[in-house]
C-alpha atoms as a PDB file:
ATOM      1  CA  UNK A   1     113.957 133.776 231.477  1.00  0.00           C
ATOM      2  CA  UNK A   2     116.191 131.019 232.857  1.00  0.00           C
ATOM      3  CA  UNK A   3     117.242 128.542 230.214  1.00  0.00           C
ATOM      4  CA  UNK A   4     118.414 125.191 231.543  1.00  0.00           C
ATOM      5  CA  UNK A   5     120.909 123.141 229.576  1.00  0.00           C
ATOM      6  CA  UNK A   6     119.843 119.741 228.291  1.00  0.00           C
ATOM      7  CA  UNK A   7     121.198 117.214 225.846  1.00  0.00           C
ATOM      8  CA  UNK A   8     119.495 118.832 222.869  1.00  0.00           C
ATOM      9  CA  UNK A   9     120.938 122.228 223.786  1.00  0.00           C
ATOM     10  CA  UNK A  10     124.450 120.784 223.676  1.00  0.00           C
ATOM     11  CA  UNK A  11     123.757 119.466 220.166  1.00  0.00           C
ATOM     12  CA  UNK A  12     122.470 122.854 219.043  1.00  0.00           C
ATOM     13  CA  UNK A  13     125.491 124.636 220.512  1.00  0.00           C
ATOM     14  CA  UNK A  14     127.865 122.213 218.812  1.00  0.00           C
ATOM     15  CA  UNK A  15     126.270 122.911 215.431  1.00  0.00           C
ATOM     16  CA  UNK A  16     126.209 126.641 216.191  1.00  0.00           C
ATOM     17  CA  UNK A  17     129.905 126.659 217.120  1.00  0.00           C
ATOM     18  CA  UNK A  18     130.817 125.046 213.818  1.00  0.00           C
ATOM     19  CA  UNK A  19     128.603 127.417 211.819  1.00  0.00           C
ATOM     20  CA  UNK A  20     130.021 130.424 213.681  1.00  0.00           C
ATOM     21  CA  UNK A  21     133.547 129.407 212.710  1.00  0.00           C
ATOM     22  CA  UNK A  22     132.741 128.905 209.043  1.00  0.00           C
ATOM     23  CA  UNK A  23     129.982 131.494 208.585  1.00  0.00           C
ATOM     24  CA  UNK A  24     128.640 128.985 206.106  1.00  0.00           C
ATOM     25  CA  UNK A  25     125.984 126.348 206.644  1.00  0.00           C
ATOM     26  CA  UNK A  26     127.345 124.397 203.669  1.00  0.00           C
ATOM     27  CA  UNK A  27     130.915 124.161 204.988  1.00  0.00           C
ATOM     28  CA  UNK A  28     129.582 123.384 208.465  1.00  0.00           C
ATOM     29  CA  UNK A  29     127.496 120.557 207.038  1.00  0.00           C
ATOM     30  CA  UNK A  30     130.595 119.110 205.365  1.00  0.00           C
ATOM     31  CA  UNK A  31     132.505 119.152 208.657  1.00  0.00           C
ATOM     32  CA  UNK A  32     129.614 117.703 210.645  1.00  0.00           C
ATOM     33  CA  UNK A  33     128.687 115.142 207.950  1.00  0.00           C
ATOM     34  CA  UNK A  34     125.068 116.294 207.783  1.00  0.00           C
ATOM     35  CA  UNK A  35     123.091 118.252 205.204  1.00  0.00           C
ATOM     36  CA  UNK A  36     123.004 122.079 205.022  1.00  0.00           C
ATOM     37  CA  UNK A  37     119.268 121.826 205.649  1.00  0.00           C
ATOM     38  CA  UNK A  38     119.926 119.960 208.893  1.00  0.00           C
ATOM     39  CA  UNK A  39     122.359 122.683 209.989  1.00  0.00           C
ATOM     40  CA  UNK A  40     119.781 125.356 209.229  1.00  0.00           C
ATOM     41  CA  UNK A  41     117.117 123.451 211.155  1.00  0.00           C
ATOM     42  CA  UNK A  42     119.353 123.015 214.219  1.00  0.00           C
ATOM     43  CA  UNK A  43     120.206 126.725 214.215  1.00  0.00           C
ATOM     44  CA  UNK A  44     116.552 127.667 213.859  1.00  0.00           C
ATOM     45  CA  UNK A  45     115.604 125.437 216.801  1.00  0.00           C
ATOM     46  CA  UNK A  46     118.399 126.989 218.891  1.00  0.00           C
ATOM     47  CA  UNK A  47     117.122 130.465 218.079  1.00  0.00           C
ATOM     48  CA  UNK A  48     113.558 129.478 219.005  1.00  0.00           C
ATOM     49  CA  UNK A  49     114.810 128.083 222.308  1.00  0.00           C
ATOM     50  CA  UNK A  50     116.906 131.169 223.091  1.00  0.00           C
ATOM     51  CA  UNK A  51     114.352 133.704 221.933  1.00  0.00           C
ATOM     52  CA  UNK A  52     116.735 135.681 219.736  1.00  0.00           C
ATOM     53  CA  UNK A  53     118.554 135.317 216.437  1.00  0.00           C
ATOM     54  CA  UNK A  54     122.184 134.191 216.459  1.00  0.00           C
ATOM     55  CA  UNK A  55     122.590 134.564 212.691  1.00  0.00           C
ATOM     56  CA  UNK A  56     121.425 137.231 210.284  1.00  0.00           C
ATOM     57  CA  UNK A  57     120.484 135.821 206.897  1.00  0.00           C
ATOM     58  CA  UNK A  58     121.824 137.978 204.061  1.00  0.00           C
ATOM     59  CA  UNK A  59     121.655 137.586 200.300  1.00  0.00           C
ATOM     60  CA  UNK A  60     125.379 136.829 200.230  1.00  0.00           C
ATOM     61  CA  UNK A  61     125.260 134.378 203.148  1.00  0.00           C
ATOM     62  CA  UNK A  62     124.989 134.527 206.931  1.00  0.00           C
ATOM     63  CA  UNK A  63     126.639 136.637 209.582  1.00  0.00           C
ATOM     64  CA  UNK A  64     126.526 136.580 213.343  1.00  0.00           C
ATOM     65  CA  UNK A  65     124.152 138.886 215.147  1.00  0.00           C
ATOM     66  CA  UNK A  66     125.449 140.881 218.118  1.00  0.00           C
ATOM     67  CA  UNK A  67     124.015 138.238 220.455  1.00  0.00           C
ATOM     68  CA  UNK A  68     125.440 135.500 218.242  1.00  0.00           C
ATOM     69  CA  UNK A  69     128.909 137.017 218.452  1.00  0.00           C
ATOM     70  CA  UNK A  70     128.801 137.006 222.255  1.00  0.00           C
ATOM     71  CA  UNK A  71     127.480 133.459 222.333  1.00  0.00           C
ATOM     72  CA  UNK A  72     130.117 132.277 219.833  1.00  0.00           C
ATOM     73  CA  UNK A  73     132.897 133.712 221.985  1.00  0.00           C
ATOM     74  CA  UNK A  74     131.511 132.070 225.111  1.00  0.00           C
ATOM     75  CA  UNK A  75     131.064 128.694 223.419  1.00  0.00           C
ATOM     76  CA  UNK A  76     134.551 128.868 221.879  1.00  0.00           C
ATOM     77  CA  UNK A  77     136.120 129.600 225.267  1.00  0.00           C
ATOM     78  CA  UNK A  78     134.156 126.773 226.852  1.00  0.00           C
ATOM     79  CA  UNK A  79     135.201 124.272 224.195  1.00  0.00           C
ATOM     80  CA  UNK A  80     138.795 125.462 224.570  1.00  0.00           C
ATOM     81  CA  UNK A  81     138.687 124.805 228.300  1.00  0.00           C
ATOM     82  CA  UNK A  82     137.150 121.375 227.760  1.00  0.00           C
ATOM     83  CA  UNK A  83     139.771 120.494 225.139  1.00  0.00           C
ATOM     84  CA  UNK A  84     142.592 121.617 227.435  1.00  0.00           C
ATOM     85  CA  UNK A  85     141.218 119.539 230.301  1.00  0.00           C
ATOM     86  CA  UNK A  86     140.846 116.479 228.072  1.00  0.00           C
ATOM     87  CA  UNK A  87     144.460 116.914 227.001  1.00  0.00           C
ATOM     88  CA  UNK A  88     145.539 117.041 230.640  1.00  0.00           C
ATOM     89  CA  UNK A  89     143.522 113.933 231.443  1.00  0.00           C
ATOM     90  CA  UNK A  90     144.926 112.094 228.437  1.00  0.00           C
ATOM     91  CA  UNK A  91     148.463 113.184 229.266  1.00  0.00           C
ATOM     92  CA  UNK A  92     148.100 111.798 232.776  1.00  0.00           C
ATOM     93  CA  UNK A  93     147.512 108.351 231.308  1.00  0.00           C
ATOM     94  CA  UNK A  94     150.419 108.528 228.859  1.00  0.00           C
ATOM     95  CA  UNK A  95     153.780 107.728 230.355  1.00  0.00           C
ATOM     96  CA  UNK A  96     156.955 105.798 229.688  1.00  0.00           C
ATOM     97  CA  UNK A  97     159.958 106.141 227.402  1.00  0.00           C
ATOM     98  CA  UNK A  98     159.763 106.884 223.682  1.00  0.00           C
ATOM     99  CA  UNK A  99     162.888 106.201 221.628  1.00  0.00           C
ATOM    100  CA  UNK A 100     163.203 108.989 219.064  1.00  0.00           C
ATOM    101  CA  UNK A 101     165.919 108.995 216.432  1.00  0.00           C
ATOM    102  CA  UNK A 102     166.556 112.097 214.337  1.00  0.00           C
ATOM    103  CA  UNK A 103     169.093 113.422 211.910  1.00  0.00           C
ATOM    104  CA  UNK A 104     171.419 115.610 214.009  1.00  0.00           C
ATOM    105  CA  UNK A 105     170.756 119.014 212.434  1.00  0.00           C
ATOM    106  CA  UNK A 106     166.983 118.661 212.696  1.00  0.00           C
ATOM    107  CA  UNK A 107     167.306 117.535 216.306  1.00  0.00           C
ATOM    108  CA  UNK A 108     169.612 120.413 217.226  1.00  0.00           C
ATOM    109  CA  UNK A 109     167.967 123.287 215.377  1.00  0.00           C
ATOM    110  CA  UNK A 110     164.256 122.426 215.023  1.00  0.00           C
ATOM    111  CA  UNK A 111     163.241 119.760 217.498  1.00  0.00           C
ATOM    112  CA  UNK A 112     165.152 120.611 220.681  1.00  0.00           C
ATOM    113  CA  UNK A 113     163.860 124.223 220.973  1.00  0.00           C
ATOM    114  CA  UNK A 114     160.304 122.832 220.838  1.00  0.00           C
ATOM    115  CA  UNK A 115     160.724 120.058 223.393  1.00  0.00           C
ATOM    116  CA  UNK A 116     159.577 122.189 226.356  1.00  0.00           C
ATOM    117  CA  UNK A 117     156.111 122.271 224.776  1.00  0.00           C
ATOM    118  CA  UNK A 118     156.093 118.477 224.539  1.00  0.00           C
ATOM    119  CA  UNK A 119     157.198 118.200 228.148  1.00  0.00           C
ATOM    120  CA  UNK A 120     154.490 120.577 229.269  1.00  0.00           C
ATOM    121  CA  UNK A 121     151.792 118.588 227.489  1.00  0.00           C
ATOM    122  CA  UNK A 122     153.064 115.122 228.424  1.00  0.00           C
ATOM    123  CA  UNK A 123     155.088 115.472 231.628  1.00  0.00           C
ATOM    124  CA  UNK A 124     155.263 111.697 232.163  1.00  0.00           C
ATOM    125  CA  UNK A 125     156.799 110.904 228.776  1.00  0.00           C
ATOM    126  CA  UNK A 126     160.573 110.507 228.770  1.00  0.00           C
ATOM    127  CA  UNK A 127     162.482 110.694 225.500  1.00  0.00           C
ATOM    128  CA  UNK A 128     165.486 108.628 224.574  1.00  0.00           C
ATOM    129  CA  UNK A 129     166.995 110.767 221.823  1.00  0.00           C
ATOM    130  CA  UNK A 130     169.571 109.513 219.330  1.00  0.00           C
ATOM    131  CA  UNK A 131     171.164 111.678 216.628  1.00  0.00           C
ATOM    132  CA  UNK A 132     172.126 109.741 213.495  1.00  0.00           C
ATOM    133  CA  UNK A 133     172.771 110.820 209.928  1.00  0.00           C
ATOM    134  CA  UNK A 134     170.438 109.728 207.145  1.00  0.00           C
ATOM    135  CA  UNK A 135     173.111 107.506 205.660  1.00  0.00           C
ATOM    136  CA  UNK A 136     173.141 105.372 208.816  1.00  0.00           C
ATOM    137  CA  UNK A 137     170.847 102.380 208.399  1.00  0.00           C
ATOM    138  CA  UNK A 138     167.415 102.559 210.017  1.00  0.00           C
ATOM    139  CA  UNK A 139     167.266  99.264 211.870  1.00  0.00           C
ATOM    140  CA  UNK A 140     163.821  98.143 212.943  1.00  0.00           C
ATOM    141  CA  UNK A 141     163.664  97.748 216.690  1.00  0.00           C
ATOM    142  CA  UNK A 142     166.238 100.465 217.406  1.00  0.00           C
ATOM    143  CA  UNK A 143     163.618 103.230 217.684  1.00  0.00           C
ATOM    144  CA  UNK A 144     159.943 103.927 218.181  1.00  0.00           C
ATOM    145  CA  UNK A 145     159.951 107.001 215.926  1.00  0.00           C
ATOM    146  CA  UNK A 146     162.595 108.333 213.557  1.00  0.00           C
ATOM    147  CA  UNK A 147     162.793 111.680 211.757  1.00  0.00           C
ATOM    148  CA  UNK A 148     164.607 111.512 208.436  1.00  0.00           C
ATOM    149  CA  UNK A 149     165.210 113.730 205.396  1.00  0.00           C
ATOM    150  CA  UNK A 150     165.025 111.960 202.085  1.00  0.00           C
ATOM    151  CA  UNK A 151     163.057 111.507 198.885  1.00  0.00           C
ATOM    152  CA  UNK A 152     162.909 107.722 198.879  1.00  0.00           C
ATOM    153  CA  UNK A 153     160.791 104.981 200.335  1.00  0.00           C
ATOM    154  CA  UNK A 154     161.394 103.042 203.532  1.00  0.00           C
ATOM    155  CA  UNK A 155     160.707  99.332 202.987  1.00  0.00           C
ATOM    156  CA  UNK A 156     158.880  97.739 205.868  1.00  0.00           C
ATOM    157  CA  UNK A 157     158.141 101.078 207.560  1.00  0.00           C
ATOM    158  CA  UNK A 158     155.346 103.624 207.544  1.00  0.00           C
ATOM    159  CA  UNK A 159     155.918 107.355 207.310  1.00  0.00           C
ATOM    160  CA  UNK A 160     154.079 110.606 207.959  1.00  0.00           C
ATOM    161  CA  UNK A 161     155.229 113.749 206.088  1.00  0.00           C
ATOM    162  CA  UNK A 162     156.291 116.639 208.309  1.00  0.00           C
ATOM    163  CA  UNK A 163     157.965 119.401 206.296  1.00  0.00           C
ATOM    164  CA  UNK A 164     159.224 120.028 202.786  1.00  0.00           C
ATOM    165  CA  UNK A 165     162.634 121.644 202.636  1.00  0.00           C
ATOM    166  CA  UNK A 166     164.087 124.568 200.706  1.00  0.00           C
ATOM    167  CA  UNK A 167     167.692 125.677 200.326  1.00  0.00           C
ATOM    168  CA  UNK A 168     169.430 128.976 199.547  1.00  0.00           C
ATOM    169  CA  UNK A 169     172.854 130.612 200.093  1.00  0.00           C
ATOM    170  CA  UNK A 170     173.657 132.530 203.280  1.00  0.00           C
ATOM    171  CA  UNK A 171     176.645 134.316 204.706  1.00  0.00           C
ATOM    172  CA  UNK A 172     177.598 136.755 207.425  1.00  0.00           C
ATOM    173  CA  UNK A 173     177.501 140.463 206.527  1.00  0.00           C
ATOM    174  CA  UNK A 174     181.046 140.648 207.895  1.00  0.00           C
ATOM    175  CA  UNK A 175     182.253 138.261 205.188  1.00  0.00           C
ATOM    176  CA  UNK A 176     181.479 140.828 202.480  1.00  0.00           C
ATOM    177  CA  UNK A 177     183.499 143.643 203.991  1.00  0.00           C
ATOM    178  CA  UNK A 178     186.577 144.465 201.965  1.00  0.00           C
ATOM    179  CA  UNK A 179     185.816 141.812 199.348  1.00  0.00           C
ATOM    180  CA  UNK A 180     184.404 142.006 195.818  1.00  0.00           C
ATOM    181  CA  UNK A 181     180.606 142.235 195.596  1.00  0.00           C
ATOM    182  CA  UNK A 182     178.590 139.034 195.900  1.00  0.00           C
ATOM    183  CA  UNK A 183     175.629 139.778 193.667  1.00  0.00           C
ATOM    184  CA  UNK A 184     175.353 136.481 191.814  1.00  0.00           C
ATOM    185  CA  UNK A 185     176.730 132.984 191.323  1.00  0.00           C
ATOM    186  CA  UNK A 186     179.672 134.159 189.219  1.00  0.00           C
ATOM    187  CA  UNK A 187     180.966 136.178 192.193  1.00  0.00           C
ATOM    188  CA  UNK A 188     181.377 133.034 194.302  1.00  0.00           C
ATOM    189  CA  UNK A 189     184.904 132.593 192.889  1.00  0.00           C
ATOM    190  CA  UNK A 190     186.012 135.287 195.362  1.00  0.00           C
ATOM    191  CA  UNK A 191     184.608 133.502 198.411  1.00  0.00           C
ATOM    192  CA  UNK A 192     185.217 130.286 200.359  1.00  0.00           C
ATOM    193  CA  UNK A 193     182.344 127.813 200.177  1.00  0.00           C
ATOM    194  CA  UNK A 194     181.005 125.753 203.076  1.00  0.00           C
ATOM    195  CA  UNK A 195     179.701 122.238 202.449  1.00  0.00           C
ATOM    196  CA  UNK A 196     177.574 119.763 204.397  1.00  0.00           C
ATOM    197  CA  UNK A 197     178.943 116.379 203.333  1.00  0.00           C
ATOM    198  CA  UNK A 198     175.898 114.566 204.752  1.00  0.00           C
ATOM    199  CA  UNK A 199     173.209 116.667 203.068  1.00  0.00           C
ATOM    200  CA  UNK A 200     171.026 113.622 202.366  1.00  0.00           C
ATOM    201  CA  UNK A 201     171.443 109.884 202.023  1.00  0.00           C
ATOM    202  CA  UNK A 202     174.005 109.086 199.340  1.00  0.00           C
ATOM    203  CA  UNK A 203     174.867 112.724 198.590  1.00  0.00           C
ATOM    204  CA  UNK A 204     178.348 113.769 197.551  1.00  0.00           C
ATOM    205  CA  UNK A 205     180.446 116.268 199.505  1.00  0.00           C
ATOM    206  CA  UNK A 206     179.422 119.128 197.214  1.00  0.00           C
ATOM    207  CA  UNK A 207     175.872 118.034 196.392  1.00  0.00           C
ATOM    208  CA  UNK A 208     173.959 120.949 197.942  1.00  0.00           C
ATOM    209  CA  UNK A 209     175.905 123.682 196.155  1.00  0.00           C
ATOM    210  CA  UNK A 210     175.725 121.811 192.857  1.00  0.00           C
ATOM    211  CA  UNK A 211     171.997 121.194 193.287  1.00  0.00           C
ATOM    212  CA  UNK A 212     171.287 124.820 194.176  1.00  0.00           C
ATOM    213  CA  UNK A 213     173.266 126.348 191.307  1.00  0.00           C
ATOM    214  CA  UNK A 214     171.695 123.930 188.837  1.00  0.00           C
ATOM    215  CA  UNK A 215     168.294 124.867 190.247  1.00  0.00           C
ATOM    216  CA  UNK A 216     168.755 128.588 189.569  1.00  0.00           C
ATOM    217  CA  UNK A 217     170.214 127.993 186.112  1.00  0.00           C
ATOM    218  CA  UNK A 218     173.832 128.664 187.066  1.00  0.00           C
ATOM    219  CA  UNK A 219     175.202 125.127 186.959  1.00  0.00           C
ATOM    220  CA  UNK A 220     178.582 124.127 185.616  1.00  0.00           C
ATOM    221  CA  UNK A 221     180.653 126.002 188.191  1.00  0.00           C
ATOM    222  CA  UNK A 222     183.378 124.171 190.044  1.00  0.00           C
ATOM    223  CA  UNK A 223     182.297 124.214 193.690  1.00  0.00           C
ATOM    224  CA  UNK A 224     184.753 121.556 194.879  1.00  0.00           C
ATOM    225  CA  UNK A 225     186.616 123.895 197.187  1.00  0.00           C
ATOM    226  CA  UNK A 226     186.264 125.487 200.568  1.00  0.00           C
ATOM    227  CA  UNK A 227     185.530 123.813 203.903  1.00  0.00           C
ATOM    228  CA  UNK A 228     183.509 120.676 204.588  1.00  0.00           C
ATOM    229  CA  UNK A 229     181.488 119.680 207.676  1.00  0.00           C
ATOM    230  CA  UNK A 230     179.546 116.565 208.573  1.00  0.00           C
ATOM    231  CA  UNK A 231     176.539 118.443 209.993  1.00  0.00           C
ATOM    232  CA  UNK A 232     174.366 121.121 208.389  1.00  0.00           C
ATOM    233  CA  UNK A 233     174.155 123.179 211.561  1.00  0.00           C
ATOM    234  CA  UNK A 234     177.960 123.292 211.710  1.00  0.00           C
ATOM    235  CA  UNK A 235     178.115 124.865 208.250  1.00  0.00           C
ATOM    236  CA  UNK A 236     175.611 127.476 209.440  1.00  0.00           C
ATOM    237  CA  UNK A 237     177.666 128.234 212.554  1.00  0.00           C
ATOM    238  CA  UNK A 238     180.735 128.586 210.312  1.00  0.00           C
ATOM    239  CA  UNK A 239     178.806 130.971 208.059  1.00  0.00           C
ATOM    240  CA  UNK A 240     177.769 133.069 211.072  1.00  0.00           C
ATOM    241  CA  UNK A 241     181.441 133.212 212.074  1.00  0.00           C
ATOM    242  CA  UNK A 242     182.278 134.681 208.654  1.00  0.00           C
ATOM    243  CA  UNK A 243     184.259 131.702 207.355  1.00  0.00           C
ATOM    244  CA  UNK A 244     182.441 131.367 204.039  1.00  0.00           C
ATOM    245  CA  UNK A 245     179.153 131.049 202.149  1.00  0.00           C
ATOM    246  CA  UNK A 246     176.900 128.144 203.088  1.00  0.00           C
ATOM    247  CA  UNK A 247     173.742 126.539 201.786  1.00  0.00           C
ATOM    248  CA  UNK A 248     170.992 126.938 204.385  1.00  0.00           C
ATOM    249  CA  UNK A 249     167.875 124.871 204.951  1.00  0.00           C
ATOM    250  CA  UNK A 250     164.874 127.047 205.721  1.00  0.00           C
ATOM    251  CA  UNK A 251     163.514 124.648 208.310  1.00  0.00           C
ATOM    252  CA  UNK A 252     166.723 124.752 210.344  1.00  0.00           C
ATOM    253  CA  UNK A 253     167.045 128.522 210.629  1.00  0.00           C
ATOM    254  CA  UNK A 254     165.569 129.975 213.778  1.00  0.00           C
ATOM    255  CA  UNK A 255     166.130 133.734 213.921  1.00  0.00           C
ATOM    256  CA  UNK A 256     169.520 134.036 212.189  1.00  0.00           C
ATOM    257  CA  UNK A 257     168.050 135.957 209.245  1.00  0.00           C
ATOM    258  CA  UNK A 258     165.737 138.132 211.327  1.00  0.00           C
ATOM    259  CA  UNK A 259     168.481 139.271 213.707  1.00  0.00           C
ATOM    260  CA  UNK A 260     170.944 139.860 210.867  1.00  0.00           C
ATOM    261  CA  UNK A 261     173.512 137.218 211.800  1.00  0.00           C
ATOM    262  CA  UNK A 262     173.068 135.882 208.256  1.00  0.00           C
ATOM    263  CA  UNK A 263     171.957 137.411 204.976  1.00  0.00           C
ATOM    264  CA  UNK A 264     170.936 135.958 201.635  1.00  0.00           C
ATOM    265  CA  UNK A 265     173.529 137.494 199.282  1.00  0.00           C
ATOM    266  CA  UNK A 266     171.766 136.424 196.076  1.00  0.00           C
ATOM    267  CA  UNK A 267     169.217 133.985 194.731  1.00  0.00           C
ATOM    268  CA  UNK A 268     165.937 132.751 196.150  1.00  0.00           C
ATOM    269  CA  UNK A 269     164.877 129.636 198.054  1.00  0.00           C
ATOM    270  CA  UNK A 270     164.348 126.586 195.859  1.00  0.00           C
ATOM    271  CA  UNK A 271     162.879 123.206 196.844  1.00  0.00           C
ATOM    272  CA  UNK A 272     165.506 120.527 197.255  1.00  0.00           C
ATOM    273  CA  UNK A 273     162.880 117.818 196.689  1.00  0.00           C
ATOM    274  CA  UNK A 274     163.629 116.327 200.091  1.00  0.00           C
ATOM    275  CA  UNK A 275     161.088 115.995 202.873  1.00  0.00           C
ATOM    276  CA  UNK A 276     161.305 115.504 206.609  1.00  0.00           C
ATOM    277  CA  UNK A 277     159.218 112.508 207.595  1.00  0.00           C
ATOM    278  CA  UNK A 278     158.553 110.668 210.844  1.00  0.00           C
ATOM    279  CA  UNK A 279     158.981 106.911 210.481  1.00  0.00           C
ATOM    280  CA  UNK A 280     157.624 104.003 212.506  1.00  0.00           C
ATOM    281  CA  UNK A 281     156.972 100.300 212.164  1.00  0.00           C
ATOM    282  CA  UNK A 282     153.502  98.947 211.334  1.00  0.00           C
ATOM    283  CA  UNK A 283     151.575  98.957 214.600  1.00  0.00           C
ATOM    284  CA  UNK A 284     154.119 101.278 216.180  1.00  0.00           C
ATOM    285  CA  UNK A 285     151.548 103.974 216.884  1.00  0.00           C
ATOM    286  CA  UNK A 286     149.505 101.584 218.977  1.00  0.00           C
ATOM    287  CA  UNK A 287     151.866 102.489 221.801  1.00  0.00           C
ATOM    288  CA  UNK A 288     150.215 105.536 223.470  1.00  0.00           C
ATOM    289  CA  UNK A 289     153.500 107.347 224.078  1.00  0.00           C
ATOM    290  CA  UNK A 290     154.694 106.937 220.505  1.00  0.00           C
ATOM    291  CA  UNK A 291     151.277 108.035 219.197  1.00  0.00           C
ATOM    292  CA  UNK A 292     151.349 111.126 221.428  1.00  0.00           C
ATOM    293  CA  UNK A 293     154.831 112.168 220.286  1.00  0.00           C
ATOM    294  CA  UNK A 294     153.993 111.416 216.641  1.00  0.00           C
ATOM    295  CA  UNK A 295     150.844 113.549 216.746  1.00  0.00           C
ATOM    296  CA  UNK A 296     152.703 116.334 218.556  1.00  0.00           C
ATOM    297  CA  UNK A 297     155.395 116.371 215.844  1.00  0.00           C
ATOM    298  CA  UNK A 298     152.709 116.620 213.150  1.00  0.00           C
ATOM    299  CA  UNK A 299     151.006 119.473 215.035  1.00  0.00           C
ATOM    300  CA  UNK A 300     154.277 121.387 215.458  1.00  0.00           C
ATOM    301  CA  UNK A 301     155.049 120.938 211.755  1.00  0.00           C
ATOM    302  CA  UNK A 302     151.617 122.285 210.816  1.00  0.00           C
ATOM    303  CA  UNK A 303     152.206 125.368 212.956  1.00  0.00           C
ATOM    304  CA  UNK A 304     155.651 125.869 211.408  1.00  0.00           C
ATOM    305  CA  UNK A 305     154.232 125.685 207.878  1.00  0.00           C
ATOM    306  CA  UNK A 306     151.587 128.260 208.776  1.00  0.00           C
ATOM    307  CA  UNK A 307     154.202 130.664 210.133  1.00  0.00           C
ATOM    308  CA  UNK A 308     156.785 130.015 207.405  1.00  0.00           C
ATOM    309  CA  UNK A 309     155.109 129.525 204.012  1.00  0.00           C
ATOM    310  CA  UNK A 310     157.278 127.928 201.342  1.00  0.00           C
ATOM    311  CA  UNK A 311     159.254 130.503 199.403  1.00  0.00           C
ATOM    312  CA  UNK A 312     159.036 133.101 202.176  1.00  0.00           C
ATOM    313  CA  UNK A 313     162.158 133.668 204.278  1.00  0.00           C
ATOM    314  CA  UNK A 314     160.874 136.975 205.584  1.00  0.00           C
ATOM    315  CA  UNK A 315     164.097 138.603 204.359  1.00  0.00           C
ATOM    316  CA  UNK A 316     164.686 140.324 201.063  1.00  0.00           C
ATOM    317  CA  UNK A 317     167.690 139.352 198.970  1.00  0.00           C
ATOM    318  CA  UNK A 318     170.928 140.939 200.130  1.00  0.00           C
ATOM    319  CA  UNK A 319     169.415 142.387 203.286  1.00  0.00           C
END
């Protein structure tokens, strides 16, 4: 029997798609802002119209029938195509220059590798990128969006959280060859230390090492030695080169741990109580380009958090 689509059918399919994702009429009702009874009624009407069951009612809940599984896949693919086309249509109307300021390490190690995805989605947006440390004043009017790492407030600005940060020690496997073991904090006396002197706004030259050792209960050591750099990613490059032991930020490591260029000689990641945020002036997101880039940054951060849960480096200690 031929079944023509009408407005009511689209409503039923929308409710069905939501219920198929959740396998729960209650959770679907919460998402759709209707009652569970209304969800059940819409599904029942869809089944009557189709002539077969899309859900099997069990004592423990509902599950998709064989026909329901096929329909759910088809509807999901259709919605995906519609969403992609809407994105393309929206992107075609969003153009112009967005001034984006970022702390240098985040721009170099996290943001830049992801920019091709932004360009693909919004080909008519041009970025004006500026790398500035957190301790450089954020002057209103100098940017549309700014990514910063800090734990404080930003008077006169609004902010959206992106990522929490963790820190831990790293070094090259080559550094350990021919030297005493590096199994714990006390063994650091045999190794050069690498320091990021601009770790966060107002931090001292040795703040990250002091913060980390205090955090794992090994404070009190004199870490005021070794080599200093004014960018976090430079300390990591120095660590890869075998110059010393650095403090790494989980967010700014790409595949250095996975490919073995760096190892975690001891300790575990600890939160440094700093957070990457994207900043903007009140009303700043009314500009379509700034809104698009802001929302894209939030989406990329969500994906990163899903792939890299806090506390999980994917590498065991000393590997």
